[in-house]
Amino acid sequence: MTTEKINENRRGKEDEKRKRKWPYILAILLLLLLLLLLLLRSCGNQHPCPCPSPSSSVSSSSVPSLNDTGNAEPGSSSTPSRQEILSRLQKQEVTVTDKVSAQASFPSGAKGSTGTWEVENPTSNTVIMQCVIVLNGKTIAKSAPIYPGQHIDGLTLSRQVSSGNYSVTATIQYYSKDTKAYLGMADYKIHLSVS
């Protein structure tokens, strides 16, 4: 066998190896591109632009000037997760038991009408509870503070609600019995019926 044929065979094998690697390289590049797109999309959803574009129809004399006094806190604000709240309460050696009815009902959707919903703050708790019912992002009812050993069995609507059946969020806010300081909250999905 001549040197040319040996070199030709080697080049052919090397070309064949390169051809086999391309699908893998292409797949890795596509995965990296997909990950980059997902990362950019998630960053865009977490940090939407808070400033609307200025309108050319607004005159410069009616635009308020910036009052550059005061201090803002560095970094972004964050709402603690349910797990973080429970962890904080456990560190404070606070154990909370919630007794919340899964259904609230109102005979009328008129503002000021009273409905039924049962929430108990057992005597074993060492926190004050206050309950809020939220429909479509708006508070529609709020309870009085419920101390350990107390309960509520009704609420008053603070705004008009159309008749119907809804899945709503019931938020239980926890406060220190001693200092009345806010400790955290827990959300529950309940059924709301308005006649």
C-alpha atoms as a PDB file:
ATOM      1  CA  MET A   1       0.000   0.000   0.000  1.00  0.00           C
ATOM      2  CA  THR A   2       1.371   3.391  -0.908  1.00  0.00           C
ATOM      3  CA  THR A   3       1.793   6.385   1.361  1.00  0.00           C
ATOM      4  CA  GLU A   4      -0.792   8.318  -0.636  1.00  0.00           C
ATOM      5  CA  LYS A   5      -3.454   5.657  -0.079  1.00  0.00           C
ATOM      6  CA  ILE A   6      -2.661   5.504   3.644  1.00  0.00           C
ATOM      7  CA  ASN A   7      -2.918   9.309   3.908  1.00  0.00           C
ATOM      8  CA  GLU A   8      -6.124   9.209   1.880  1.00  0.00           C
ATOM      9  CA  ASN A   9      -7.608   6.565   4.210  1.00  0.00           C
ATOM     10  CA  ARG A  10      -6.618   8.627   7.272  1.00  0.00           C
ATOM     11  CA  ARG A  11      -8.197  11.782   5.819  1.00  0.00           C
ATOM     12  CA  GLY A  12     -11.347   9.846   4.986  1.00  0.00           C
ATOM     13  CA  LYS A  13     -11.601   8.480   8.518  1.00  0.00           C
ATOM     14  CA  GLU A  14     -10.962  11.933  10.029  1.00  0.00           C
ATOM     15  CA  ASP A  15     -13.631  13.462   7.769  1.00  0.00           C
ATOM     16  CA  GLU A  16     -16.036  10.728   8.779  1.00  0.00           C
ATOM     17  CA  LYS A  17     -15.331  11.397  12.511  1.00  0.00           C
ATOM     18  CA  ARG A  18     -15.936  15.121  11.982  1.00  0.00           C
ATOM     19  CA  LYS A  19     -19.211  14.394  10.192  1.00  0.00           C
ATOM     20  CA  ARG A  20     -20.367  12.238  13.128  1.00  0.00           C
ATOM     21  CA  LYS A  21     -19.541  14.998  15.672  1.00  0.00           C
ATOM     22  CA  TRP A  22     -21.600  17.720  13.966  1.00  0.00           C
ATOM     23  CA  PRO A  23     -25.048  16.476  15.079  1.00  0.00           C
ATOM     24  CA  TYR A  24     -23.840  16.407  18.691  1.00  0.00           C
ATOM     25  CA  ILE A  25     -22.282  19.855  18.479  1.00  0.00           C
ATOM     26  CA  LEU A  26     -25.429  21.231  16.829  1.00  0.00           C
ATOM     27  CA  ALA A  27     -27.647  19.653  19.504  1.00  0.00           C
ATOM     28  CA  ILE A  28     -25.528  21.173  22.304  1.00  0.00           C
ATOM     29  CA  LEU A  29     -25.639  24.600  20.649  1.00  0.00           C
ATOM     30  CA  LEU A  30     -29.429  24.380  20.280  1.00  0.00           C
ATOM     31  CA  LEU A  31     -29.804  23.401  23.952  1.00  0.00           C
ATOM     32  CA  LEU A  32     -27.623  26.327  25.029  1.00  0.00           C
ATOM     33  CA  LEU A  33     -29.676  28.687  22.859  1.00  0.00           C
ATOM     34  CA  LEU A  34     -32.911  27.339  24.334  1.00  0.00           C
ATOM     35  CA  LEU A  35     -31.586  27.758  27.890  1.00  0.00           C
ATOM     36  CA  LEU A  36     -30.509  31.326  27.098  1.00  0.00           C
ATOM     37  CA  LEU A  37     -33.950  32.154  25.700  1.00  0.00           C
ATOM     38  CA  LEU A  38     -35.669  30.686  28.762  1.00  0.00           C
ATOM     39  CA  LEU A  39     -33.357  32.632  31.063  1.00  0.00           C
ATOM     40  CA  LEU A  40     -34.026  35.892  29.223  1.00  0.00           C
ATOM     41  CA  ARG A  41     -37.760  35.262  29.270  1.00  0.00           C
ATOM     42  CA  SER A  42     -37.835  34.512  33.011  1.00  0.00           C
ATOM     43  CA  CYS A  43     -35.720  37.606  33.762  1.00  0.00           C
ATOM     44  CA  GLY A  44     -38.094  39.702  31.667  1.00  0.00           C
ATOM     45  CA  ASN A  45     -41.113  38.391  33.594  1.00  0.00           C
ATOM     46  CA  GLN A  46     -39.525  39.052  36.986  1.00  0.00           C
ATOM     47  CA  HIS A  47     -38.352  42.570  36.193  1.00  0.00           C
ATOM     48  CA  PRO A  48     -40.846  44.301  33.909  1.00  0.00           C
ATOM     49  CA  CYS A  49     -40.046  47.844  32.921  1.00  0.00           C
ATOM     50  CA  PRO A  50     -41.705  50.075  35.531  1.00  0.00           C
ATOM     51  CA  CYS A  51     -41.470  53.237  33.416  1.00  0.00           C
ATOM     52  CA  PRO A  52     -43.964  53.849  30.617  1.00  0.00           C
ATOM     53  CA  SER A  53     -42.604  55.589  27.566  1.00  0.00           C
ATOM     54  CA  PRO A  54     -43.143  59.331  27.681  1.00  0.00           C
ATOM     55  CA  SER A  55     -45.984  60.679  25.596  1.00  0.00           C
ATOM     56  CA  SER A  56     -45.205  63.389  23.071  1.00  0.00           C
ATOM     57  CA  SER A  57     -48.641  64.966  23.594  1.00  0.00           C
ATOM     58  CA  VAL A  58     -47.870  65.936  27.217  1.00  0.00           C
ATOM     59  CA  SER A  59     -46.368  69.394  27.541  1.00  0.00           C
ATOM     60  CA  SER A  60     -43.164  69.719  29.526  1.00  0.00           C
ATOM     61  CA  SER A  61     -44.726  72.279  31.875  1.00  0.00           C
ATOM     62  CA  SER A  62     -47.346  69.791  33.141  1.00  0.00           C
ATOM     63  CA  VAL A  63     -44.815  67.046  33.878  1.00  0.00           C
ATOM     64  CA  PRO A  64     -43.881  67.007  37.587  1.00  0.00           C
ATOM     65  CA  SER A  65     -40.222  67.257  38.471  1.00  0.00           C
ATOM     66  CA  LEU A  66     -38.430  64.617  40.515  1.00  0.00           C
ATOM     67  CA  ASN A  67     -38.262  65.287  44.242  1.00  0.00           C
ATOM     68  CA  ASP A  68     -34.866  63.758  44.958  1.00  0.00           C
ATOM     69  CA  THR A  69     -35.099  63.614  48.758  1.00  0.00           C
ATOM     70  CA  GLY A  70     -35.364  60.617  51.046  1.00  0.00           C
ATOM     71  CA  ASN A  71     -33.799  57.189  50.944  1.00  0.00           C
ATOM     72  CA  ALA A  72     -34.867  53.961  49.272  1.00  0.00           C
ATOM     73  CA  GLU A  73     -33.726  50.564  50.473  1.00  0.00           C
ATOM     74  CA  PRO A  74     -31.044  48.890  48.333  1.00  0.00           C
ATOM     75  CA  GLY A  75     -31.940  45.756  46.371  1.00  0.00           C
ATOM     76  CA  SER A  76     -35.310  44.435  45.310  1.00  0.00           C
ATOM     77  CA  SER A  77     -38.208  43.754  47.602  1.00  0.00           C
ATOM     78  CA  SER A  78     -39.305  40.197  48.076  1.00  0.00           C
ATOM     79  CA  THR A  79     -42.360  38.600  49.524  1.00  0.00           C
ATOM     80  CA  PRO A  80     -41.392  35.674  51.714  1.00  0.00           C
ATOM     81  CA  SER A  81     -42.676  32.287  50.626  1.00  0.00           C
ATOM     82  CA  ARG A  82     -44.995  30.228  52.805  1.00  0.00           C
ATOM     83  CA  GLN A  83     -42.026  28.001  53.719  1.00  0.00           C
ATOM     84  CA  GLU A  84     -39.939  31.040  54.760  1.00  0.00           C
ATOM     85  CA  ILE A  85     -42.783  32.310  56.933  1.00  0.00           C
ATOM     86  CA  LEU A  86     -43.211  28.918  58.583  1.00  0.00           C
ATOM     87  CA  SER A  87     -39.449  28.734  59.111  1.00  0.00           C
ATOM     88  CA  ARG A  88     -39.454  32.190  60.725  1.00  0.00           C
ATOM     89  CA  LEU A  89     -42.343  31.217  62.984  1.00  0.00           C
ATOM     90  CA  GLN A  90     -40.553  27.989  63.952  1.00  0.00           C
ATOM     91  CA  LYS A  91     -37.420  29.958  64.830  1.00  0.00           C
ATOM     92  CA  GLN A  92     -39.572  32.095  67.093  1.00  0.00           C
ATOM     93  CA  GLU A  93     -40.984  28.851  68.470  1.00  0.00           C
ATOM     94  CA  VAL A  94     -44.445  29.810  67.292  1.00  0.00           C
ATOM     95  CA  THR A  95     -46.683  26.972  66.204  1.00  0.00           C
ATOM     96  CA  VAL A  96     -49.915  27.967  64.525  1.00  0.00           C
ATOM     97  CA  THR A  97     -52.975  25.824  63.998  1.00  0.00           C
ATOM     98  CA  ASP A  98     -55.575  27.193  61.588  1.00  0.00           C
ATOM     99  CA  LYS A  99     -59.181  26.082  61.635  1.00  0.00           C
ATOM    100  CA  VAL A 100     -60.683  27.618  58.507  1.00  0.00           C
ATOM    101  CA  SER A 101     -63.983  26.736  56.857  1.00  0.00           C
ATOM    102  CA  ALA A 102     -63.611  25.814  53.189  1.00  0.00           C
ATOM    103  CA  GLN A 103     -66.732  27.781  52.213  1.00  0.00           C
ATOM    104  CA  ALA A 104     -68.001  31.320  52.757  1.00  0.00           C
ATOM    105  CA  SER A 105     -71.502  32.348  51.708  1.00  0.00           C
ATOM    106  CA  PHE A 106     -73.386  35.631  51.512  1.00  0.00           C
ATOM    107  CA  PRO A 107     -77.158  35.950  50.973  1.00  0.00           C
ATOM    108  CA  SER A 108     -76.542  39.203  49.077  1.00  0.00           C
ATOM    109  CA  GLY A 109     -73.610  40.696  47.206  1.00  0.00           C
ATOM    110  CA  ALA A 110     -74.370  44.214  48.403  1.00  0.00           C
ATOM    111  CA  LYS A 111     -71.639  46.115  50.215  1.00  0.00           C
ATOM    112  CA  GLY A 112     -72.261  45.821  53.962  1.00  0.00           C
ATOM    113  CA  SER A 113     -74.130  42.510  53.788  1.00  0.00           C
ATOM    114  CA  THR A 114     -73.124  39.878  56.343  1.00  0.00           C
ATOM    115  CA  GLY A 115     -72.295  36.319  55.377  1.00  0.00           C
ATOM    116  CA  THR A 116     -71.143  33.140  57.076  1.00  0.00           C
ATOM    117  CA  TRP A 117     -67.564  31.921  57.274  1.00  0.00           C
ATOM    118  CA  GLU A 118     -66.023  30.131  60.231  1.00  0.00           C
ATOM    119  CA  VAL A 119     -62.456  30.657  61.441  1.00  0.00           C
ATOM    120  CA  GLU A 120     -61.166  29.583  64.847  1.00  0.00           C
ATOM    121  CA  ASN A 121     -57.959  30.593  66.596  1.00  0.00           C
ATOM    122  CA  PRO A 122     -57.411  27.689  69.012  1.00  0.00           C
ATOM    123  CA  THR A 123     -56.220  28.378  72.558  1.00  0.00           C
ATOM    124  CA  SER A 124     -53.002  26.502  71.726  1.00  0.00           C
ATOM    125  CA  ASN A 125     -51.964  29.335  69.371  1.00  0.00           C
ATOM    126  CA  THR A 126     -49.844  32.217  70.632  1.00  0.00           C
ATOM    127  CA  VAL A 127     -50.710  34.600  67.785  1.00  0.00           C
ATOM    128  CA  ILE A 128     -53.528  36.947  66.865  1.00  0.00           C
ATOM    129  CA  MET A 129     -55.160  36.115  63.541  1.00  0.00           C
ATOM    130  CA  GLN A 130     -56.882  38.481  61.121  1.00  0.00           C
ATOM    131  CA  CYS A 131     -58.612  37.101  58.048  1.00  0.00           C
ATOM    132  CA  VAL A 132     -59.062  38.657  54.629  1.00  0.00           C
ATOM    133  CA  ILE A 133     -61.003  37.304  51.640  1.00  0.00           C
ATOM    134  CA  VAL A 134     -59.604  38.370  48.260  1.00  0.00           C
ATOM    135  CA  LEU A 135     -61.506  38.107  44.968  1.00  0.00           C
ATOM    136  CA  ASN A 136     -59.698  38.967  41.716  1.00  0.00           C
ATOM    137  CA  GLY A 137     -56.908  40.720  43.610  1.00  0.00           C
ATOM    138  CA  LYS A 138     -59.266  42.922  45.658  1.00  0.00           C
ATOM    139  CA  THR A 139     -60.139  42.548  49.346  1.00  0.00           C
ATOM    140  CA  ILE A 140     -63.881  42.013  49.674  1.00  0.00           C
ATOM    141  CA  ALA A 141     -64.073  41.217  53.418  1.00  0.00           C
ATOM    142  CA  LYS A 142     -61.845  41.511  56.499  1.00  0.00           C
ATOM    143  CA  SER A 143     -62.396  40.085  59.966  1.00  0.00           C
ATOM    144  CA  ALA A 144     -61.792  41.636  63.337  1.00  0.00           C
ATOM    145  CA  PRO A 145     -58.639  40.421  65.113  1.00  0.00           C
ATOM    146  CA  ILE A 146     -59.142  36.893  66.459  1.00  0.00           C
ATOM    147  CA  TYR A 147     -57.243  36.203  69.683  1.00  0.00           C
ATOM    148  CA  PRO A 148     -56.366  32.676  70.867  1.00  0.00           C
ATOM    149  CA  GLY A 149     -59.490  30.971  72.161  1.00  0.00           C
ATOM    150  CA  GLN A 150     -61.782  33.075  69.905  1.00  0.00           C
ATOM    151  CA  HIS A 151     -63.547  32.463  66.612  1.00  0.00           C
ATOM    152  CA  ILE A 152     -65.634  34.227  63.980  1.00  0.00           C
ATOM    153  CA  ASP A 153     -68.582  32.788  62.141  1.00  0.00           C
ATOM    154  CA  GLY A 154     -69.320  35.653  59.793  1.00  0.00           C
ATOM    155  CA  LEU A 155     -67.928  38.575  57.816  1.00  0.00           C
ATOM    156  CA  THR A 156     -69.256  41.762  56.253  1.00  0.00           C
ATOM    157  CA  LEU A 157     -68.625  42.579  52.587  1.00  0.00           C
ATOM    158  CA  SER A 158     -66.539  45.724  52.165  1.00  0.00           C
ATOM    159  CA  ARG A 159     -67.413  46.028  48.462  1.00  0.00           C
ATOM    160  CA  GLN A 160     -70.122  44.969  46.007  1.00  0.00           C
ATOM    161  CA  VAL A 161     -69.851  41.380  44.690  1.00  0.00           C
ATOM    162  CA  SER A 162     -71.960  39.983  41.852  1.00  0.00           C
ATOM    163  CA  SER A 163     -73.974  36.881  42.651  1.00  0.00           C
ATOM    164  CA  GLY A 164     -72.308  33.614  41.722  1.00  0.00           C
ATOM    165  CA  ASN A 165     -69.825  30.992  42.872  1.00  0.00           C
ATOM    166  CA  TYR A 166     -66.131  31.860  43.091  1.00  0.00           C
ATOM    167  CA  SER A 167     -62.806  30.328  44.039  1.00  0.00           C
ATOM    168  CA  VAL A 168     -61.191  32.965  46.276  1.00  0.00           C
ATOM    169  CA  THR A 169     -58.107  33.377  48.435  1.00  0.00           C
ATOM    170  CA  ALA A 170     -58.539  33.540  52.186  1.00  0.00           C
ATOM    171  CA  THR A 171     -55.454  35.102  53.750  1.00  0.00           C
ATOM    172  CA  ILE A 172     -54.777  34.566  57.448  1.00  0.00           C
ATOM    173  CA  GLN A 173     -52.415  37.232  58.792  1.00  0.00           C
ATOM    174  CA  TYR A 174     -50.527  36.456  62.004  1.00  0.00           C
ATOM    175  CA  TYR A 175     -49.562  39.035  64.637  1.00  0.00           C
ATOM    176  CA  SER A 176     -47.619  38.722  67.872  1.00  0.00           C
ATOM    177  CA  LYS A 177     -49.930  38.499  70.877  1.00  0.00           C
ATOM    178  CA  ASP A 178     -47.457  40.510  72.962  1.00  0.00           C
ATOM    179  CA  THR A 179     -46.210  43.233  70.598  1.00  0.00           C
ATOM    180  CA  LYS A 180     -48.958  43.151  67.925  1.00  0.00           C
ATOM    181  CA  ALA A 181     -46.128  43.024  65.334  1.00  0.00           C
ATOM    182  CA  TYR A 182     -46.836  41.356  61.996  1.00  0.00           C
ATOM    183  CA  LEU A 183     -45.339  37.843  61.837  1.00  0.00           C
ATOM    184  CA  GLY A 184     -46.506  36.451  58.501  1.00  0.00           C
ATOM    185  CA  MET A 185     -49.485  35.026  56.641  1.00  0.00           C
ATOM    186  CA  ALA A 186     -50.921  31.921  55.033  1.00  0.00           C
ATOM    187  CA  ASP A 187     -53.218  31.711  52.013  1.00  0.00           C
ATOM    188  CA  TYR A 188     -56.032  29.220  51.536  1.00  0.00           C
ATOM    189  CA  LYS A 189     -58.242  28.641  48.515  1.00  0.00           C
ATOM    190  CA  ILE A 190     -61.894  28.561  49.585  1.00  0.00           C
ATOM    191  CA  HIS A 191     -65.257  28.546  47.829  1.00  0.00           C
ATOM    192  CA  LEU A 192     -67.344  31.750  47.918  1.00  0.00           C
ATOM    193  CA  SER A 193     -71.069  31.637  47.231  1.00  0.00           C
ATOM    194  CA  VAL A 194     -73.048  34.871  46.720  1.00  0.00           C
ATOM    195  CA  SER A 195     -76.815  34.635  46.193  1.00  0.00           C
END
